[in-house]
Amino acid sequence: MLNLKLFEKKIYAWSKLWHPNVLTVLGYAFDRDTGYPLLISEWMGKGNALNYVRSTDPSPITLLQIVSVCAF
């Protein structure tokens, strides 16, 4: 179950970040069927992190860097 207050805090914190390696948050919505939150950010030409990893077959070091950034 989604903790709405925690979700709102995370979105607020993300909206205040300003760094070239962090996407700007544009908003959020909820999936009509599942109720899962959908985070809206700028369009990325190479897609999301999973698609990038699948299409580029990065080295273990690069993969570890991606995972460590995504897991904070």
N, C-alpha and C. Protein backbone atom coordinates (compact mmCIF):
# COMPACT_ATOMS: atom_id res chain seq x y z
N MET A 1 0.84 -1.19 0.00
CA MET A 1 0.00 0.00 0.00
C MET A 1 0.88 1.25 0.00
N LEU A 2 0.50 2.22 -0.74
CA LEU A 2 1.25 3.46 -0.88
C LEU A 2 1.06 4.36 0.33
N ASN A 3 2.15 4.80 0.89
CA ASN A 3 2.11 5.78 1.96
C ASN A 3 2.10 7.15 1.29
N LEU A 4 0.93 7.75 1.16
CA LEU A 4 0.77 8.99 0.41
C LEU A 4 1.59 10.13 0.99
N LYS A 5 1.66 10.25 2.29
CA LYS A 5 2.44 11.33 2.91
C LYS A 5 3.93 11.19 2.56
N LEU A 6 4.45 9.97 2.64
CA LEU A 6 5.85 9.74 2.30
C LEU A 6 6.09 10.04 0.83
N PHE A 7 5.17 9.60 -0.04
CA PHE A 7 5.28 9.88 -1.47
C PHE A 7 5.32 11.38 -1.73
N GLU A 8 4.45 12.12 -1.09
CA GLU A 8 4.41 13.58 -1.27
C GLU A 8 5.72 14.22 -0.80
N LYS A 9 6.28 13.73 0.30
CA LYS A 9 7.56 14.27 0.80
C LYS A 9 8.68 14.01 -0.21
N LYS A 10 8.69 12.81 -0.79
CA LYS A 10 9.73 12.46 -1.77
C LYS A 10 9.60 13.34 -3.02
N ILE A 11 8.39 13.52 -3.50
CA ILE A 11 8.17 14.36 -4.68
C ILE A 11 8.59 15.79 -4.39
N TYR A 12 8.24 16.29 -3.21
CA TYR A 12 8.63 17.65 -2.84
C TYR A 12 10.15 17.79 -2.81
N ALA A 13 10.82 16.82 -2.18
CA ALA A 13 12.29 16.85 -2.11
C ALA A 13 12.89 16.81 -3.50
N TRP A 14 12.38 15.94 -4.37
CA TRP A 14 12.89 15.83 -5.74
C TRP A 14 12.67 17.15 -6.47
N SER A 15 11.54 17.79 -6.26
CA SER A 15 11.24 19.04 -6.98
C SER A 15 12.21 20.16 -6.62
N LYS A 16 12.87 20.06 -5.47
CA LYS A 16 13.81 21.09 -5.03
C LYS A 16 15.24 20.84 -5.49
N LEU A 17 15.50 19.65 -6.05
CA LEU A 17 16.86 19.33 -6.49
C LEU A 17 17.20 20.08 -7.78
N TRP A 18 18.43 20.52 -7.88
CA TRP A 18 18.91 21.21 -9.08
C TRP A 18 20.34 20.76 -9.33
N HIS A 19 20.51 19.81 -10.25
CA HIS A 19 21.82 19.27 -10.56
C HIS A 19 21.78 18.71 -11.97
N PRO A 20 22.88 18.83 -12.75
CA PRO A 20 22.86 18.35 -14.12
C PRO A 20 22.62 16.84 -14.25
N ASN A 21 22.86 16.07 -13.18
CA ASN A 21 22.66 14.63 -13.24
C ASN A 21 21.33 14.17 -12.66
N VAL A 22 20.47 15.11 -12.31
CA VAL A 22 19.16 14.78 -11.74
C VAL A 22 18.09 15.38 -12.65
N LEU A 23 17.17 14.53 -13.10
CA LEU A 23 16.08 15.02 -13.94
C LEU A 23 15.17 15.94 -13.15
N THR A 24 14.62 16.92 -13.83
CA THR A 24 13.64 17.81 -13.21
C THR A 24 12.31 17.09 -13.11
N VAL A 25 11.70 17.16 -11.95
CA VAL A 25 10.36 16.57 -11.79
C VAL A 25 9.35 17.56 -12.35
N LEU A 26 8.47 17.05 -13.20
CA LEU A 26 7.44 17.90 -13.79
C LEU A 26 6.09 17.70 -13.12
N GLY A 27 5.92 16.55 -12.50
CA GLY A 27 4.66 16.27 -11.81
C GLY A 27 4.50 14.80 -11.52
N TYR A 28 3.31 14.43 -11.14
CA TYR A 28 3.01 13.03 -10.88
C TYR A 28 1.53 12.78 -11.12
N ALA A 29 1.21 11.51 -11.26
CA ALA A 29 -0.17 11.08 -11.45
C ALA A 29 -0.28 9.69 -10.85
N PHE A 30 -1.46 9.12 -10.90
CA PHE A 30 -1.67 7.76 -10.40
C PHE A 30 -2.29 6.92 -11.51
N ASP A 31 -1.77 5.72 -11.71
CA ASP A 31 -2.30 4.81 -12.70
C ASP A 31 -3.75 4.46 -12.35
N ARG A 32 -4.63 4.59 -13.31
CA ARG A 32 -6.06 4.34 -13.05
C ARG A 32 -6.34 2.90 -12.66
N ASP A 33 -5.61 1.96 -13.24
CA ASP A 33 -5.88 0.55 -12.97
C ASP A 33 -5.24 0.04 -11.69
N THR A 34 -4.01 0.44 -11.43
CA THR A 34 -3.27 -0.12 -10.29
C THR A 34 -3.19 0.82 -9.09
N GLY A 35 -3.34 2.11 -9.34
CA GLY A 35 -3.17 3.09 -8.27
C GLY A 35 -1.72 3.45 -8.01
N TYR A 36 -0.80 2.83 -8.77
CA TYR A 36 0.62 3.11 -8.58
C TYR A 36 0.93 4.55 -8.99
N PRO A 37 1.87 5.17 -8.27
CA PRO A 37 2.26 6.53 -8.65
C PRO A 37 3.08 6.52 -9.93
N LEU A 38 2.87 7.52 -10.75
CA LEU A 38 3.62 7.72 -11.99
C LEU A 38 4.36 9.03 -11.86
N LEU A 39 5.67 8.97 -11.92
CA LEU A 39 6.49 10.17 -11.78
C LEU A 39 6.79 10.72 -13.16
N ILE A 40 6.58 12.00 -13.35
CA ILE A 40 6.73 12.63 -14.66
C ILE A 40 7.97 13.51 -14.64
N SER A 41 8.87 13.23 -15.58
CA SER A 41 10.11 14.02 -15.69
C SER A 41 10.35 14.34 -17.15
N GLU A 42 11.46 14.98 -17.41
CA GLU A 42 11.82 15.32 -18.77
C GLU A 42 11.99 14.05 -19.60
N TRP A 43 11.81 14.17 -20.91
CA TRP A 43 12.01 13.06 -21.82
C TRP A 43 13.50 12.75 -21.94
N MET A 44 13.83 11.47 -21.87
CA MET A 44 15.22 11.05 -22.03
C MET A 44 15.31 10.21 -23.30
N GLY A 45 16.16 10.63 -24.21
CA GLY A 45 16.28 9.98 -25.51
C GLY A 45 16.66 8.52 -25.45
N LYS A 46 17.42 8.12 -24.43
CA LYS A 46 17.83 6.72 -24.30
C LYS A 46 16.88 5.93 -23.41
N GLY A 47 15.77 6.53 -23.01
CA GLY A 47 14.78 5.82 -22.21
C GLY A 47 15.12 5.76 -20.75
N ASN A 48 14.47 4.83 -20.07
CA ASN A 48 14.70 4.70 -18.63
C ASN A 48 15.95 3.88 -18.35
N ALA A 49 16.31 3.75 -17.09
CA ALA A 49 17.55 3.06 -16.72
C ALA A 49 17.56 1.61 -17.16
N LEU A 50 16.42 0.92 -17.01
CA LEU A 50 16.37 -0.48 -17.40
C LEU A 50 16.57 -0.65 -18.91
N ASN A 51 15.91 0.18 -19.70
CA ASN A 51 16.09 0.11 -21.16
C ASN A 51 17.52 0.43 -21.56
N TYR A 52 18.12 1.40 -20.88
CA TYR A 52 19.51 1.77 -21.17
C TYR A 52 20.44 0.58 -20.91
N VAL A 53 20.26 -0.06 -19.77
CA VAL A 53 21.12 -1.21 -19.43
C VAL A 53 20.93 -2.34 -20.43
N ARG A 54 19.70 -2.61 -20.80
CA ARG A 54 19.43 -3.69 -21.75
C ARG A 54 20.01 -3.40 -23.13
N SER A 55 20.01 -2.15 -23.54
CA SER A 55 20.44 -1.82 -24.90
C SER A 55 21.94 -1.56 -25.03
N THR A 56 22.62 -1.25 -23.93
CA THR A 56 24.04 -0.91 -24.03
C THR A 56 24.98 -1.95 -23.46
N ASP A 57 24.47 -2.88 -22.66
CA ASP A 57 25.30 -3.91 -22.03
C ASP A 57 26.53 -3.27 -21.37
N PRO A 58 26.29 -2.43 -20.34
CA PRO A 58 27.39 -1.71 -19.71
C PRO A 58 28.34 -2.64 -18.95
N SER A 59 29.53 -2.14 -18.69
CA SER A 59 30.50 -2.89 -17.89
C SER A 59 29.97 -3.04 -16.47
N PRO A 60 30.49 -4.00 -15.71
CA PRO A 60 30.05 -4.14 -14.31
C PRO A 60 30.24 -2.87 -13.49
N ILE A 61 31.31 -2.13 -13.75
CA ILE A 61 31.57 -0.88 -13.01
C ILE A 61 30.48 0.15 -13.34
N THR A 62 30.18 0.32 -14.62
CA THR A 62 29.14 1.27 -15.03
C THR A 62 27.79 0.86 -14.46
N LEU A 63 27.49 -0.43 -14.48
CA LEU A 63 26.23 -0.92 -13.94
C LEU A 63 26.14 -0.63 -12.44
N LEU A 64 27.23 -0.83 -11.73
CA LEU A 64 27.24 -0.54 -10.29
C LEU A 64 27.00 0.95 -10.05
N GLN A 65 27.57 1.80 -10.89
CA GLN A 65 27.35 3.24 -10.75
C GLN A 65 25.89 3.60 -10.98
N ILE A 66 25.28 2.98 -11.99
CA ILE A 66 23.86 3.24 -12.28
C ILE A 66 22.99 2.80 -11.11
N VAL A 67 23.25 1.60 -10.62
CA VAL A 67 22.46 1.06 -9.53
C VAL A 67 22.62 1.89 -8.26
N SER A 68 23.83 2.33 -7.97
CA SER A 68 24.05 3.10 -6.75
C SER A 68 23.36 4.45 -6.81
N VAL A 69 23.27 5.05 -7.97
CA VAL A 69 22.58 6.33 -8.12
C VAL A 69 21.07 6.12 -8.02
N CYS A 70 20.55 5.05 -8.62
CA CYS A 70 19.11 4.80 -8.63
C CYS A 70 18.59 4.35 -7.27
N ALA A 71 19.45 3.84 -6.43
CA ALA A 71 19.00 3.23 -5.18
C ALA A 71 19.02 4.18 -3.98
N PHE A 72 19.39 5.44 -4.18
CA PHE A 72 19.49 6.31 -3.01
C PHE A 72 18.14 6.53 -2.46
